[in-house]
Amino acid sequence: MRRRNFLYGAAGALATLTGGAFLAHKRPGGSAMAETFEITKTEDEWRAILTEQQFAVLREEATERAFTSPLNNEKRAGLFHCAGCDLPLYSSEVKYDSGTGWPSFWEALPNAIGTRPDNSLFMTRTECHCRRCGGHLGHIFDDGPQPTGKRHCINGVAMQFRPGPTMPS
């Protein structure tokens, strides 16, 4: 059994046992609330513009339950934007079905995301966030398709899809 499958299975079992739609990740407020970014808001301001689920993922680093995002099945041409600040993050041209239950991409748009080490869940992963507002998006793994070999495993609730051109204007 691959480590990824084991971890996803364990996370799914935990979500089922707790009855929650989200797995609370690390810390209340998350690192996105602690750092300074181009777009900053107070917790109350973020809560006013985000749904409860978006706030949990983007600001508290929660994870949406696998296979629940309608963006998994999004096949139209267009751009995936940050749900917090509307920055274009990913093009539909680099989206693929990884079978993991979350929207997956092999590359972000230029200057769209930031990364940092995430040492939770007893392993080191690469966390990715919106470079403009710091919103937690998901993680990047080294098991994706060519040409990058990367899998950006992104919470669908952290993004909004806009059909149309596949590159920002």
Protein backbone atom coordinates (compact mmCIF):
# COMPACT_ATOMS: atom_id res chain seq x y z
CA MET A 1 0.00 0.00 0.00
CA ARG A 2 1.36 3.40 -0.92
CA ARG A 3 1.89 5.88 1.89
CA ARG A 4 -0.39 8.41 0.21
CA ASN A 5 -3.28 5.92 0.03
CA PHE A 6 -2.77 4.95 3.65
CA LEU A 7 -2.78 8.59 4.79
CA TYR A 8 -5.87 9.45 2.75
CA GLY A 9 -7.63 6.39 4.12
CA ALA A 10 -6.72 7.31 7.68
CA ALA A 11 -7.82 10.91 7.15
CA GLY A 12 -11.12 9.72 5.65
CA ALA A 13 -11.70 7.35 8.54
CA LEU A 14 -11.02 10.15 11.01
CA ALA A 15 -13.47 12.44 9.22
CA THR A 16 -16.10 9.71 9.21
CA LEU A 17 -15.60 8.94 12.89
CA THR A 18 -15.76 12.58 13.90
CA GLY A 19 -18.69 13.28 11.59
CA GLY A 20 -16.99 16.46 10.35
CA ALA A 21 -16.85 17.69 6.79
CA PHE A 22 -13.36 19.04 7.46
CA LEU A 23 -10.27 17.83 9.21
CA ALA A 24 -8.98 20.64 11.40
CA HIS A 25 -5.38 20.97 10.36
CA LYS A 26 -2.80 22.57 12.61
CA ARG A 27 -3.47 25.66 14.58
CA PRO A 28 -6.42 27.96 15.12
CA GLY A 29 -5.94 30.96 12.88
CA GLY A 30 -3.32 29.08 10.86
CA SER A 31 -0.13 30.63 9.57
CA ALA A 32 -2.15 32.60 7.01
CA MET A 33 -3.51 34.67 9.89
CA ALA A 34 -0.04 35.23 11.39
CA GLU A 35 1.92 36.50 8.37
CA THR A 36 1.65 39.72 6.41
CA PHE A 37 0.54 39.58 2.81
CA GLU A 38 -0.41 42.12 0.12
CA ILE A 39 -4.07 41.68 1.08
CA THR A 40 -4.68 41.52 4.82
CA LYS A 41 -7.92 41.50 6.77
CA THR A 42 -8.95 40.92 10.34
CA GLU A 43 -10.52 37.62 11.29
CA ASP A 44 -13.95 39.29 11.35
CA GLU A 45 -13.40 40.79 7.88
CA TRP A 46 -12.43 37.37 6.47
CA ARG A 47 -15.45 35.75 8.12
CA ALA A 48 -17.70 38.39 6.54
CA ILE A 49 -16.59 37.58 2.97
CA LEU A 50 -15.93 33.81 3.18
CA THR A 51 -18.28 30.93 3.85
CA GLU A 52 -17.64 28.91 7.00
CA GLN A 53 -15.99 26.18 4.92
CA GLN A 54 -13.83 28.65 2.97
CA PHE A 55 -12.71 30.29 6.22
CA ALA A 56 -11.81 26.92 7.76
CA VAL A 57 -9.62 25.98 4.77
CA LEU A 58 -8.17 29.33 3.71
CA ARG A 59 -7.58 30.87 7.13
CA GLU A 60 -7.32 27.89 9.52
CA GLU A 61 -5.65 25.37 7.19
CA ALA A 62 -8.42 22.79 7.38
CA THR A 63 -8.88 20.22 4.63
CA GLU A 64 -12.13 19.56 2.83
CA ARG A 65 -13.32 15.98 2.68
CA ALA A 66 -12.06 14.11 -0.39
CA PHE A 67 -14.39 13.77 -3.39
CA THR A 68 -16.73 16.57 -2.18
CA SER A 69 -15.62 19.45 -4.41
CA PRO A 70 -17.60 20.15 -7.57
CA LEU A 71 -14.31 21.44 -9.03
CA ASN A 72 -13.13 17.82 -9.28
CA ASN A 73 -15.42 17.45 -12.30
CA GLU A 74 -14.78 20.88 -13.83
CA LYS A 75 -13.61 20.29 -17.40
CA ARG A 76 -14.24 23.66 -19.08
CA ALA A 77 -11.48 26.01 -20.21
CA GLY A 78 -10.78 28.79 -17.73
CA LEU A 79 -8.95 29.84 -14.59
CA PHE A 80 -9.18 28.78 -10.96
CA HIS A 81 -9.04 31.85 -8.69
CA CYS A 82 -8.34 32.22 -4.97
CA ALA A 83 -11.69 32.30 -3.14
CA GLY A 84 -10.21 34.83 -0.71
CA CYS A 85 -8.79 37.51 -3.00
CA ASP A 86 -9.68 36.45 -6.58
CA LEU A 87 -6.05 36.05 -7.71
CA PRO A 88 -5.82 33.64 -10.68
CA LEU A 89 -3.95 30.55 -9.39
CA TYR A 90 -4.26 27.68 -11.88
CA SER A 91 -5.17 27.23 -15.53
CA SER A 92 -7.54 24.49 -16.64
CA GLU A 93 -4.79 23.48 -19.10
CA VAL A 94 -2.72 21.97 -16.26
CA LYS A 95 -5.58 20.32 -14.35
CA TYR A 96 -5.74 16.53 -14.28
CA ASP A 97 -7.55 13.75 -12.44
CA SER A 98 -5.12 12.42 -9.83
CA GLY A 99 -7.71 10.07 -8.32
CA THR A 100 -7.07 11.55 -4.87
CA GLY A 101 -10.43 13.31 -4.47
CA TRP A 102 -9.15 16.88 -4.71
CA PRO A 103 -8.64 19.10 -7.75
CA SER A 104 -5.06 18.52 -8.94
CA PHE A 105 -2.75 20.55 -11.15
CA TRP A 106 0.81 19.97 -12.32
CA GLU A 107 1.77 23.67 -12.21
CA ALA A 108 0.55 26.98 -10.79
CA LEU A 109 0.34 30.20 -12.77
CA PRO A 110 3.49 32.37 -12.52
CA ASN A 111 3.74 34.32 -9.24
CA ALA A 112 0.45 32.89 -7.96
CA ILE A 113 1.39 30.74 -4.97
CA GLY A 114 3.85 30.66 -2.10
CA THR A 115 5.12 27.55 -0.34
CA ARG A 116 6.48 26.55 3.04
CA PRO A 117 7.33 23.28 4.82
CA ASP A 118 4.47 21.57 6.68
CA ASN A 119 5.58 19.04 9.27
CA SER A 120 2.13 17.92 10.40
CA LEU A 121 0.70 14.38 10.07
CA PHE A 122 4.08 12.84 10.97
CA MET A 123 5.73 13.77 7.68
CA THR A 124 7.16 16.74 5.83
CA ARG A 125 5.03 18.10 3.01
CA THR A 126 5.07 21.31 0.99
CA GLU A 127 2.12 23.53 1.86
CA CYS A 128 1.00 26.02 -0.78
CA HIS A 129 -0.88 29.24 -0.22
CA CYS A 130 -2.07 32.22 -2.23
CA ARG A 131 0.88 34.57 -2.52
CA ARG A 132 -1.39 37.64 -2.31
CA CYS A 133 -3.65 36.89 0.70
CA GLY A 134 -1.87 33.91 2.29
CA GLY A 135 -4.94 31.68 2.06
CA HIS A 136 -4.12 27.98 2.53
CA LEU A 137 -4.75 26.08 -0.71
CA GLY A 138 -3.37 22.59 -0.16
CA HIS A 139 -0.09 20.74 -0.66
CA ILE A 140 2.39 19.94 -3.43
CA PHE A 141 3.69 16.41 -3.90
CA ASP A 142 6.37 14.87 -6.14
CA ASP A 143 4.11 12.23 -7.71
CA GLY A 144 2.47 14.23 -10.50
CA PRO A 145 2.65 13.93 -14.27
CA GLN A 146 5.30 15.33 -16.56
CA PRO A 147 6.52 17.86 -17.46
CA THR A 148 6.89 18.95 -13.80
CA GLY A 149 6.35 15.70 -11.89
CA LYS A 150 4.41 17.75 -9.32
CA ARG A 151 0.88 17.30 -7.99
CA HIS A 152 -0.68 20.43 -6.56
CA CYS A 153 -3.44 18.86 -4.46
CA ILE A 154 -5.79 21.78 -3.82
CA ASN A 155 -8.91 22.17 -1.70
CA GLY A 156 -11.72 23.00 -4.13
CA VAL A 157 -13.42 25.24 -1.57
CA ALA A 158 -10.30 27.45 -1.61
CA MET A 159 -10.92 28.34 -5.26
CA GLN A 160 -13.56 29.71 -7.59
CA PHE A 161 -13.64 28.71 -11.25
CA ARG A 162 -14.05 31.31 -13.96
CA PRO A 163 -14.70 29.91 -17.47
CA GLY A 164 -12.96 31.63 -20.36
CA PRO A 165 -9.35 32.23 -21.36
CA THR A 166 -6.81 29.90 -19.78
CA MET A 167 -4.22 32.60 -19.12
CA PRO A 168 -4.76 35.79 -17.08
CA SER A 169 -5.04 38.98 -19.08
